C-alpha atoms as a PDB file:
ATOM      1  CA  MET A   1      -0.023   0.006  -0.134  1.00  0.00           C
ATOM      2  CA  ALA A   2       0.925   3.662  -0.580  1.00  0.00           C
ATOM      3  CA  LYS A   3       2.245   5.869   1.910  1.00  0.00           C
ATOM      4  CA  SER A   4       0.905   9.613   2.608  1.00  0.00           C
ATOM      5  CA  ALA A   5       1.906  12.098   5.173  1.00  0.00           C
ATOM      6  CA  PHE A   6       2.231  15.983   5.866  1.00  0.00           C
ATOM      7  CA  VAL A   7       5.691  17.394   6.649  1.00  0.00           C
ATOM      8  CA  ALA A   8       6.035  20.459   8.663  1.00  0.00           C
ATOM      9  CA  ILE A   9       9.393  22.564   7.378  1.00  0.00           C
ATOM     10  CA  VAL A  10      10.759  24.802  10.061  1.00  0.00           C
ATOM     11  CA  GLY A  11      13.501  26.960  10.118  1.00  0.00           C
ATOM     12  CA  ARG A  12      14.723  30.464  11.339  1.00  0.00           C
ATOM     13  CA  PRO A  13      14.352  33.172   8.473  1.00  0.00           C
ATOM     14  CA  SER A  14      16.014  32.533   5.547  1.00  0.00           C
ATOM     15  CA  SER A  15      17.097  29.301   5.881  1.00  0.00           C
ATOM     16  CA  GLY A  16      15.621  28.371   2.683  1.00  0.00           C
ATOM     17  CA  LYS A  17      12.419  27.191   3.418  1.00  0.00           C
ATOM     18  CA  SER A  18      10.474  28.122   0.378  1.00  0.00           C
ATOM     19  CA  THR A  19      13.226  27.664  -2.213  1.00  0.00           C
ATOM     20  CA  LEU A  20      12.537  24.266  -1.281  1.00  0.00           C
ATOM     21  CA  VAL A  21       9.781  23.668  -1.083  1.00  0.00           C
ATOM     22  CA  ASN A  22       9.328  24.959  -4.840  1.00  0.00           C
ATOM     23  CA  ALA A  23      12.635  22.932  -6.027  1.00  0.00           C
ATOM     24  CA  LEU A  24      10.740  19.800  -4.139  1.00  0.00           C
ATOM     25  CA  CYS A  25       7.561  20.364  -6.335  1.00  0.00           C
ATOM     26  CA  GLY A  26       9.555  21.586  -9.794  1.00  0.00           C
ATOM     27  CA  THR A  27       8.069  24.702  -9.558  1.00  0.00           C
ATOM     28  CA  LYS A  28       6.524  28.046  -7.988  1.00  0.00           C
ATOM     29  CA  VAL A  29       4.461  27.276  -4.799  1.00  0.00           C
ATOM     30  CA  SER A  30       6.113  29.546  -1.989  1.00  0.00           C
ATOM     31  CA  ILE A  31       7.020  32.916  -2.929  1.00  0.00           C
ATOM     32  CA  VAL A  32      11.077  33.732  -2.016  1.00  0.00           C
ATOM     33  CA  SER A  33      13.324  37.358  -1.648  1.00  0.00           C
ATOM     34  CA  PRO A  34      15.688  38.070   0.699  1.00  0.00           C
ATOM     35  CA  VAL A  35      13.646  39.379   2.637  1.00  0.00           C
ATOM     36  CA  PRO A  36      13.669  37.222   6.443  1.00  0.00           C
ATOM     37  CA  GLN A  37      10.106  36.455   7.146  1.00  0.00           C
ATOM     38  CA  THR A  38       8.726  36.348   2.979  1.00  0.00           C
ATOM     39  CA  THR A  39       6.189  33.597   4.193  1.00  0.00           C
ATOM     40  CA  ARG A  40       3.054  34.566   6.492  1.00  0.00           C
ATOM     41  CA  ASN A  41       0.934  31.810   5.522  1.00  0.00           C
ATOM     42  CA  THR A  42       1.365  27.945   6.098  1.00  0.00           C
ATOM     43  CA  VAL A  43       1.335  26.974   2.263  1.00  0.00           C
ATOM     44  CA  ARG A  44       1.366  23.781   1.039  1.00  0.00           C
ATOM     45  CA  GLY A  45       3.747  22.024  -2.055  1.00  0.00           C
ATOM     46  CA  ILE A  46       2.628  18.444  -2.751  1.00  0.00           C
ATOM     47  CA  VAL A  47       4.772  15.930  -3.919  1.00  0.00           C
ATOM     48  CA  ASN A  48       3.777  12.515  -5.694  1.00  0.00           C
ATOM     49  CA  ARG A  49       6.520   9.371  -6.105  1.00  0.00           C
ATOM     50  CA  PRO A  50       5.454   5.795  -6.669  1.00  0.00           C
ATOM     51  CA  GLU A  51       5.812   5.161  -3.109  1.00  0.00           C
ATOM     52  CA  GLY A  52       3.444   7.948  -2.156  1.00  0.00           C
ATOM     53  CA  GLN A  53       2.713  11.044  -1.315  1.00  0.00           C
ATOM     54  CA  LEU A  54       4.015  13.716   0.692  1.00  0.00           C
ATOM     55  CA  ILE A  55       2.728  17.601   1.413  1.00  0.00           C
ATOM     56  CA  PHE A  56       5.429  19.583   2.661  1.00  0.00           C
ATOM     57  CA  LEU A  57       3.677  22.629   4.753  1.00  0.00           C
ATOM     58  CA  ASP A  58       6.092  25.750   4.465  1.00  0.00           C
ATOM     59  CA  THR A  59       5.742  27.949   7.607  1.00  0.00           C
ATOM     60  CA  PRO A  60       6.567  31.229   8.200  1.00  0.00           C
ATOM     61  CA  GLY A  61      10.221  31.542  10.061  1.00  0.00           C
ATOM     62  CA  PHE A  62      10.477  30.973  13.473  1.00  0.00           C
ATOM     63  CA  HIS A  63      11.886  34.095  15.070  1.00  0.00           C
ATOM     64  CA  ILE A  64      11.755  35.360  18.666  1.00  0.00           C
ATOM     65  CA  SER A  65      10.394  39.078  18.684  1.00  0.00           C
ATOM     66  CA  ASP A  66       7.414  40.495  21.006  1.00  0.00           C
ATOM     67  CA  LYS A  67       5.886  42.079  18.253  1.00  0.00           C
ATOM     68  CA  LYS A  68       2.501  41.217  17.129  1.00  0.00           C
ATOM     69  CA  LEU A  69       2.880  40.352  13.607  1.00  0.00           C
ATOM     70  CA  ASN A  70       5.693  37.878  14.350  1.00  0.00           C
ATOM     71  CA  LEU A  71       4.109  36.553  17.425  1.00  0.00           C
ATOM     72  CA  ARG A  72       1.341  35.225  14.918  1.00  0.00           C
ATOM     73  CA  LEU A  73       4.133  34.067  12.375  1.00  0.00           C
ATOM     74  CA  LYS A  74       5.663  31.711  15.619  1.00  0.00           C
ATOM     75  CA  ASP A  75       2.350  30.666  16.456  1.00  0.00           C
ATOM     76  CA  LEU A  76       1.669  29.553  12.375  1.00  0.00           C
ATOM     77  CA  ALA A  77       5.054  27.777  12.525  1.00  0.00           C
ATOM     78  CA  LEU A  78       4.583  25.991  15.781  1.00  0.00           C
ATOM     79  CA  ARG A  79       0.939  24.744  14.637  1.00  0.00           C
ATOM     80  CA  ALA A  80       2.090  23.383  11.410  1.00  0.00           C
ATOM     81  CA  LEU A  81       4.605  21.190  13.449  1.00  0.00           C
ATOM     82  CA  GLY A  82       1.626  20.208  15.543  1.00  0.00           C
ATOM     83  CA  ASP A  83      -0.463  19.542  12.865  1.00  0.00           C
ATOM     84  CA  ALA A  84       2.011  17.157  10.664  1.00  0.00           C
ATOM     85  CA  ASP A  85       3.384  13.456  10.883  1.00  0.00           C
ATOM     86  CA  ILE A  86       6.797  14.546  10.168  1.00  0.00           C
ATOM     87  CA  GLY A  87       9.660  17.465  11.240  1.00  0.00           C
ATOM     88  CA  LEU A  88      11.352  18.568   8.705  1.00  0.00           C
ATOM     89  CA  TYR A  89      14.379  21.111  10.454  1.00  0.00           C
ATOM     90  CA  LEU A  90      16.010  23.218   7.905  1.00  0.00           C
ATOM     91  CA  ILE A  91      19.248  24.728   9.310  1.00  0.00           C
ATOM     92  CA  ASP A  92      21.723  27.707   7.293  1.00  0.00           C
ATOM     93  CA  ALA A  93      25.008  25.959   6.591  1.00  0.00           C
ATOM     94  CA  THR A  94      26.100  29.846   6.462  1.00  0.00           C
ATOM     95  CA  ARG A  95      25.060  30.596   9.645  1.00  0.00           C
ATOM     96  CA  GLU A  96      26.429  30.004  13.095  1.00  0.00           C
ATOM     97  CA  PRO A  97      23.222  28.359  15.452  1.00  0.00           C
ATOM     98  CA  GLY A  98      21.558  31.174  17.638  1.00  0.00           C
ATOM     99  CA  PRO A  99      18.597  31.040  20.051  1.00  0.00           C
ATOM    100  CA  GLU A 100      15.953  30.277  17.269  1.00  0.00           C
ATOM    101  CA  GLU A 101      17.658  27.235  16.885  1.00  0.00           C
ATOM    102  CA  GLU A 102      17.873  26.135  20.636  1.00  0.00           C
ATOM    103  CA  SER A 103      14.050  27.368  20.665  1.00  0.00           C
ATOM    104  CA  LEU A 104      13.401  25.096  17.610  1.00  0.00           C
ATOM    105  CA  ALA A 105      15.110  22.333  19.150  1.00  0.00           C
ATOM    106  CA  ALA A 106      13.424  22.483  22.407  1.00  0.00           C
ATOM    107  CA  VAL A 107      10.061  22.320  20.177  1.00  0.00           C
ATOM    108  CA  LEU A 108      11.203  19.238  17.852  1.00  0.00           C
ATOM    109  CA  LYS A 109      12.217  17.052  21.469  1.00  0.00           C
ATOM    110  CA  ALA A 110       9.144  17.620  22.720  1.00  0.00           C
ATOM    111  CA  ALA A 111       7.071  17.266  19.498  1.00  0.00           C
ATOM    112  CA  GLU A 112       5.845  13.496  19.486  1.00  0.00           C
ATOM    113  CA  ILE A 113       6.346  13.135  15.372  1.00  0.00           C
ATOM    114  CA  PRO A 114       9.693  11.466  13.718  1.00  0.00           C
ATOM    115  CA  PHE A 115      12.060  14.664  12.222  1.00  0.00           C
ATOM    116  CA  VAL A 116      14.748  14.889  10.062  1.00  0.00           C
ATOM    117  CA  ALA A 117      17.503  17.276  10.246  1.00  0.00           C
ATOM    118  CA  ALA A 118      18.859  19.046   7.089  1.00  0.00           C
ATOM    119  CA  ILE A 119      21.886  21.100   6.771  1.00  0.00           C
ATOM    120  CA  ASN A 120      20.686  23.561   3.816  1.00  0.00           C
ATOM    121  CA  LYS A 121      23.425  25.857   1.519  1.00  0.00           C
ATOM    122  CA  ILE A 122      26.174  23.504   1.294  1.00  0.00           C
ATOM    123  CA  ASP A 123      27.060  25.055  -1.645  1.00  0.00           C
ATOM    124  CA  VAL A 124      27.920  28.169  -0.612  1.00  0.00           C
ATOM    125  CA  SER A 125      31.378  29.533  -0.128  1.00  0.00           C
ATOM    126  CA  ASP A 126      31.424  30.106   3.841  1.00  0.00           C
ATOM    127  CA  ALA A 127      29.163  27.427   4.761  1.00  0.00           C
ATOM    128  CA  ASP A 128      30.208  25.373   7.521  1.00  0.00           C
ATOM    129  CA  PRO A 129      28.031  21.482   7.730  1.00  0.00           C
ATOM    130  CA  ALA A 130      30.503  20.890  10.432  1.00  0.00           C
ATOM    131  CA  ARG A 131      29.629  23.590  12.191  1.00  0.00           C
ATOM    132  CA  ALA A 132      25.528  22.364  11.607  1.00  0.00           C
ATOM    133  CA  ARG A 133      25.979  19.212  12.581  1.00  0.00           C
ATOM    134  CA  LEU A 134      27.751  19.756  16.045  1.00  0.00           C
ATOM    135  CA  PHE A 135      24.901  22.168  17.062  1.00  0.00           C
ATOM    136  CA  ILE A 136      22.433  19.180  16.060  1.00  0.00           C
ATOM    137  CA  ALA A 137      24.573  16.058  17.539  1.00  0.00           C
ATOM    138  CA  GLN A 138      24.527  18.273  20.924  1.00  0.00           C
ATOM    139  CA  TRP A 139      20.795  19.037  20.811  1.00  0.00           C
ATOM    140  CA  LEU A 140      19.343  16.643  18.659  1.00  0.00           C
ATOM    141  CA  PRO A 141      21.383  13.623  18.934  1.00  0.00           C
ATOM    142  CA  LYS A 142      18.260  11.127  17.994  1.00  0.00           C
ATOM    143  CA  ALA A 143      17.891  13.101  14.692  1.00  0.00           C
ATOM    144  CA  THR A 144      18.445  11.719  11.096  1.00  0.00           C
ATOM    145  CA  VAL A 145      21.119  14.277   9.840  1.00  0.00           C
ATOM    146  CA  LEU A 146      21.032  15.220   5.766  1.00  0.00           C
ATOM    147  CA  GLU A 147      23.023  17.568   3.233  1.00  0.00           C
ATOM    148  CA  ILE A 148      21.484  19.460   0.894  1.00  0.00           C
ATOM    149  CA  SER A 149      21.184  22.304  -1.232  1.00  0.00           C
ATOM    150  CA  ALA A 150      17.874  23.305  -2.417  1.00  0.00           C
ATOM    151  CA  LYS A 151      18.767  26.277  -5.000  1.00  0.00           C
ATOM    152  CA  HIS A 152      21.007  23.653  -6.833  1.00  0.00           C
ATOM    153  CA  ASN A 153      18.870  20.195  -6.244  1.00  0.00           C
ATOM    154  CA  ILE A 154      21.347  18.508  -4.217  1.00  0.00           C
ATOM    155  CA  GLY A 155      20.420  15.901  -2.068  1.00  0.00           C
ATOM    156  CA  LEU A 156      16.566  16.684  -2.832  1.00  0.00           C
ATOM    157  CA  GLU A 157      15.506  12.836  -3.583  1.00  0.00           C
ATOM    158  CA  VAL A 158      17.503  11.797  -0.578  1.00  0.00           C
ATOM    159  CA  LEU A 159      15.186  13.620   1.338  1.00  0.00           C
ATOM    160  CA  VAL A 160      12.308  12.592   0.159  1.00  0.00           C
ATOM    161  CA  GLY A 161      13.057   9.249   0.102  1.00  0.00           C
ATOM    162  CA  LYS A 162      13.736   9.375   4.008  1.00  0.00           C
ATOM    163  CA  ALA A 163      10.320  11.117   4.325  1.00  0.00           C
ATOM    164  CA  LEU A 164       9.067   8.510   2.560  1.00  0.00           C
ATOM    165  CA  GLU A 165      10.562   6.039   4.852  1.00  0.00           C
ATOM    166  CA  LEU A 166       8.890   8.132   7.775  1.00  0.00           C
ATOM    167  CA  ALA A 167       5.571   8.498   6.217  1.00  0.00           C
ATOM    168  CA  LEU A 168       2.704   5.911   7.325  1.00  0.00           C
ATOM    169  CA  GLU A 169       0.444   3.520   4.924  1.00  0.00           C
ATOM    170  CA  GLY A 170      -2.502   5.541   3.748  1.00  0.00           C
ATOM    171  CA  PRO A 171      -4.152   7.029   0.877  1.00  0.00           C
ATOM    172  CA  ALA A 172      -3.211   9.795  -1.385  1.00  0.00           C
ATOM    173  CA  TRP A 173      -4.666  13.071  -0.023  1.00  0.00           C
ATOM    174  CA  TYR A 174      -4.963  14.972  -3.198  1.00  0.00           C
ATOM    175  CA  PRO A 175      -4.943  13.750  -7.179  1.00  0.00           C
ATOM    176  CA  GLN A 176      -2.203  13.093  -8.476  1.00  0.00           C
ATOM    177  CA  GLU A 177      -1.446  15.819 -11.266  1.00  0.00           C
ATOM    178  CA  TYR A 178      -1.436  18.785  -7.862  1.00  0.00           C
ATOM    179  CA  TYR A 179       1.832  20.557  -6.511  1.00  0.00           C
ATOM    180  CA  THR A 180      -0.367  22.733  -4.497  1.00  0.00           C
ATOM    181  CA  ASP A 181      -3.660  23.171  -3.022  1.00  0.00           C
ATOM    182  CA  GLN A 182      -3.617  27.077  -2.885  1.00  0.00           C
ATOM    183  CA  GLU A 183      -5.979  29.107  -4.739  1.00  0.00           C
ATOM    184  CA  PRO A 184      -5.307  31.244  -7.607  1.00  0.00           C
ATOM    185  CA  LYS A 185      -6.237  34.851  -6.161  1.00  0.00           C
ATOM    186  CA  PHE A 186      -4.163  33.689  -2.709  1.00  0.00           C
ATOM    187  CA  ARG A 187      -1.403  32.330  -5.728  1.00  0.00           C
ATOM    188  CA  ILE A 188      -1.718  35.676  -7.590  1.00  0.00           C
ATOM    189  CA  ALA A 189      -1.317  37.985  -4.562  1.00  0.00           C
ATOM    190  CA  GLU A 190       1.989  36.426  -3.310  1.00  0.00           C
ATOM    191  CA  ILE A 191       3.773  36.851  -6.424  1.00  0.00           C
ATOM    192  CA  ILE A 192       2.561  40.224  -6.600  1.00  0.00           C
ATOM    193  CA  ARG A 193       3.990  40.833  -2.808  1.00  0.00           C
ATOM    194  CA  GLU A 194       7.365  39.010  -4.178  1.00  0.00           C
ATOM    195  CA  LYS A 195       7.741  41.685  -6.851  1.00  0.00           C
ATOM    196  CA  ILE A 196       7.184  44.230  -3.895  1.00  0.00           C
ATOM    197  CA  MET A 197       9.677  42.866  -1.716  1.00  0.00           C
ATOM    198  CA  LEU A 198      12.246  42.113  -4.540  1.00  0.00           C
ATOM    199  CA  HIS A 199      12.104  45.793  -5.326  1.00  0.00           C
ATOM    200  CA  THR A 200      11.382  48.046  -2.095  1.00  0.00           C
ATOM    201  CA  ARG A 201      13.157  45.487   0.705  1.00  0.00           C
ATOM    202  CA  GLU A 202      15.232  48.693   1.832  1.00  0.00           C
ATOM    203  CA  GLU A 203      12.586  50.848   2.268  1.00  0.00           C
ATOM    204  CA  LEU A 204       9.510  48.256   3.359  1.00  0.00           C
ATOM    205  CA  PRO A 205      10.335  45.009   4.038  1.00  0.00           C
ATOM    206  CA  HIS A 206       7.483  44.179   5.806  1.00  0.00           C
ATOM    207  CA  ALA A 207       5.072  46.984   5.525  1.00  0.00           C
ATOM    208  CA  VAL A 208       3.013  46.196   2.758  1.00  0.00           C
ATOM    209  CA  PHE A 209       0.561  43.465   2.116  1.00  0.00           C
ATOM    210  CA  VAL A 210      -2.235  42.352  -0.763  1.00  0.00           C
ATOM    211  CA  ASP A 211      -5.437  42.552  -0.523  1.00  0.00           C
ATOM    212  CA  PHE A 212      -7.702  40.832  -3.868  1.00  0.00           C
ATOM    213  CA  THR A 213     -10.547  43.303  -4.529  1.00  0.00           C
ATOM    214  CA  ASP A 214     -12.660  41.854  -7.757  1.00  0.00           C
ATOM    215  CA  SER A 215     -12.126  39.995 -10.684  1.00  0.00           C
ATOM    216  CA  ARG A 216     -13.976  40.039 -13.948  1.00  0.00           C
ATOM    217  CA  LYS A 217     -13.455  37.780 -17.303  1.00  0.00           C
ATOM    218  CA  LEU A 218     -12.012  39.178 -20.134  1.00  0.00           C
ATOM    219  CA  ARG A 219     -13.578  39.228 -23.590  1.00  0.00           C
ATOM    220  CA  GLY A 220     -11.379  36.178 -25.261  1.00  0.00           C
ATOM    221  CA  GLY A 221     -10.178  34.499 -22.708  1.00  0.00           C
ATOM    222  CA  GLY A 222      -8.212  35.398 -19.844  1.00  0.00           C
ATOM    223  CA  LEU A 223      -8.921  37.155 -16.260  1.00  0.00           C
ATOM    224  CA  GLU A 224      -9.187  40.707 -15.279  1.00  0.00           C
ATOM    225  CA  THR A 225      -7.782  40.702 -11.595  1.00  0.00           C
ATOM    226  CA  SER A 226      -7.962  43.677  -8.972  1.00  0.00           C
ATOM    227  CA  TYR A 227      -5.610  43.677  -5.922  1.00  0.00           C
ATOM    228  CA  ASP A 228      -4.892  46.684  -3.287  1.00  0.00           C
ATOM    229  CA  ILE A 229      -1.220  47.275  -2.069  1.00  0.00           C
ATOM    230  CA  VAL A 230      -1.791  48.372   1.272  1.00  0.00           C
ATOM    231  CA  VAL A 231       0.814  50.047   3.361  1.00  0.00           C
ATOM    232  CA  GLU A 232       1.458  52.361   6.541  1.00  0.00           C
ATOM    233  CA  ARG A 233       2.451  55.790   5.273  1.00  0.00           C
ATOM    234  CA  GLU A 234       2.093  57.788   2.665  1.00  0.00           C
ATOM    235  CA  SER A 235       5.958  57.998   1.572  1.00  0.00           C
ATOM    236  CA  GLN A 236       5.252  53.968   1.617  1.00  0.00           C
ATOM    237  CA  LYS A 237       2.887  54.845  -1.008  1.00  0.00           C
ATOM    238  CA  GLY A 238       5.054  57.145  -3.064  1.00  0.00           C
ATOM    239  CA  ILE A 239       8.168  53.729  -3.050  1.00  0.00           C
ATOM    240  CA  VAL A 240       5.431  51.207  -4.415  1.00  0.00           C
ATOM    241  CA  ILE A 241       3.718  53.975  -7.265  1.00  0.00           C
ATOM    242  CA  GLY A 242       7.499  55.484  -8.186  1.00  0.00           C
ATOM    243  CA  LYS A 243       8.448  58.397 -10.438  1.00  0.00           C
ATOM    244  CA  GLY A 244       5.878  58.565 -13.078  1.00  0.00           C
ATOM    245  CA  GLY A 245       4.327  54.937 -11.928  1.00  0.00           C
ATOM    246  CA  SER A 246       7.326  53.223 -12.852  1.00  0.00           C
ATOM    247  CA  MET A 247       7.718  51.145 -10.220  1.00  0.00           C
ATOM    248  CA  ILE A 248       4.148  50.207 -10.104  1.00  0.00           C
ATOM    249  CA  LYS A 249       4.285  49.530 -13.504  1.00  0.00           C
ATOM    250  CA  MET A 250       7.515  46.788 -12.994  1.00  0.00           C
ATOM    251  CA  ILE A 251       5.773  45.007 -10.851  1.00  0.00           C
ATOM    252  CA  ARG A 252       2.842  44.416 -12.552  1.00  0.00           C
ATOM    253  CA  GLU A 253       4.426  43.885 -16.102  1.00  0.00           C
ATOM    254  CA  GLU A 254       7.000  41.086 -13.598  1.00  0.00           C
ATOM    255  CA  ALA A 255       3.895  39.862 -11.716  1.00  0.00           C
ATOM    256  CA  GLU A 256       2.256  39.453 -14.876  1.00  0.00           C
ATOM    257  CA  ALA A 257       5.201  37.427 -16.446  1.00  0.00           C
ATOM    258  CA  ASP A 258       5.377  34.704 -13.539  1.00  0.00           C
ATOM    259  CA  LEU A 259       1.565  34.455 -14.122  1.00  0.00           C
ATOM    260  CA  ALA A 260       1.939  33.408 -17.467  1.00  0.00           C
ATOM    261  CA  GLU A 261       4.082  30.879 -16.655  1.00  0.00           C
ATOM    262  CA  LEU A 262       1.882  29.853 -14.105  1.00  0.00           C
ATOM    263  CA  PHE A 263      -1.642  29.441 -15.462  1.00  0.00           C
ATOM    264  CA  GLU A 264      -2.937  28.375 -18.786  1.00  0.00           C
ATOM    265  CA  TYR A 265      -4.734  31.484 -19.050  1.00  0.00           C
ATOM    266  CA  ARG A 266      -3.642  35.051 -19.162  1.00  0.00           C
ATOM    267  CA  ILE A 267      -3.743  37.341 -16.196  1.00  0.00           C
ATOM    268  CA  SER A 268      -4.085  40.954 -16.427  1.00  0.00           C
ATOM    269  CA  LEU A 269      -3.452  42.766 -13.162  1.00  0.00           C
ATOM    270  CA  ARG A 270      -4.837  45.990 -11.918  1.00  0.00           C
ATOM    271  CA  LEU A 271      -3.255  47.306  -8.743  1.00  0.00           C
ATOM    272  CA  GLN A 272      -4.161  50.211  -6.743  1.00  0.00           C
ATOM    273  CA  VAL A 273      -2.092  51.561  -3.390  1.00  0.00           C
ATOM    274  CA  ARG A 274      -3.764  52.589  -0.674  1.00  0.00           C
ATOM    275  CA  VAL A 275      -2.611  53.593   2.897  1.00  0.00           C
ATOM    276  CA  ASP A 276      -3.380  52.018   6.562  1.00  0.00           C
ATOM    277  CA  PRO A 277      -1.304  52.924   8.978  1.00  0.00           C
ATOM    278  CA  HIS A 278      -2.947  50.242  11.701  1.00  0.00           C
ATOM    279  CA  TRP A 279      -3.162  46.997   9.403  1.00  0.00           C
ATOM    280  CA  LYS A 280      -0.182  45.931  11.442  1.00  0.00           C
ATOM    281  CA  HIS A 281      -2.210  45.966  14.589  1.00  0.00           C
ATOM    282  CA  ASP A 282      -5.641  45.021  13.762  1.00  0.00           C
ATOM    283  CA  ASP A 283      -6.523  41.200  14.821  1.00  0.00           C
ATOM    284  CA  LYS A 284      -8.882  40.554  12.124  1.00  0.00           C
ATOM    285  CA  ARG A 285      -6.768  42.201   9.337  1.00  0.00           C
ATOM    286  CA  LEU A 286      -3.671  39.476  10.745  1.00  0.00           C
ATOM    287  CA  GLU A 287      -6.305  37.067  11.113  1.00  0.00           C
ATOM    288  CA  SER A 288      -7.195  37.086   7.462  1.00  0.00           C
ATOM    289  CA  LEU A 289      -3.992  37.544   6.410  1.00  0.00           C
ATOM    290  CA  ILE A 290      -2.023  34.352   8.258  1.00  0.00           C
ATOM    291  CA  HIS A 291      -3.617  31.184   8.375  1.00  0.00           C
END
């Protein structure tokens, strides 16, 4: 009988969780940017093999902070781990383990599920896998340890094989052709947000969210869909729009180019920027954004 399992990927911000999910699925499922804590939701990437199906949960980076947004992101990561069948602890080989790793190690020890520790970014020149192995041996001595590069697809089939070994027998949760369960409007919003973060990360790394407003079918096929880009201050609105509308035009064009590769029909974007100085402190707003 085939196997199936939900695998929660946990790690500190920028450890490569989203890059790993995209590499495993062979397409963009999670957005990626140089900004820590880009992921705000638990994103599911589905991997099918003859031996079974694995649903990888890309969680927000585990970060120690008292800010309301960060606390909600941390809680989301912990809940994903609690709902999973297997834990996958991703540790960055280029960074010295710190308080986040120690806190995560304690959580993994307490979790009643099997887990794998994967040392990522072994291809980078300043990587130190031995340092990461020493930390894992000290804090998680029973862990299975693998070395991978999500960016260059090194060791990923070994990782999938190990996860399938740990999975229990059971039916697939999704059809074989699925690689994610995200709704199109969420995927579109995330790609828009990725482009904003890539081009404005120095000015407003976490001061923005993208809100779906409307959509309509186009004559001759395709979809026109409208989104609000919400920022905290008027000055940030100017940054997103750019001189003569140059920035928002670039964001729209790059997002539409990505969407053309992901969807079988043309998607035309209408983007508007508005200011809401209180969005990060609005519990209902945060609940709708983080799930």
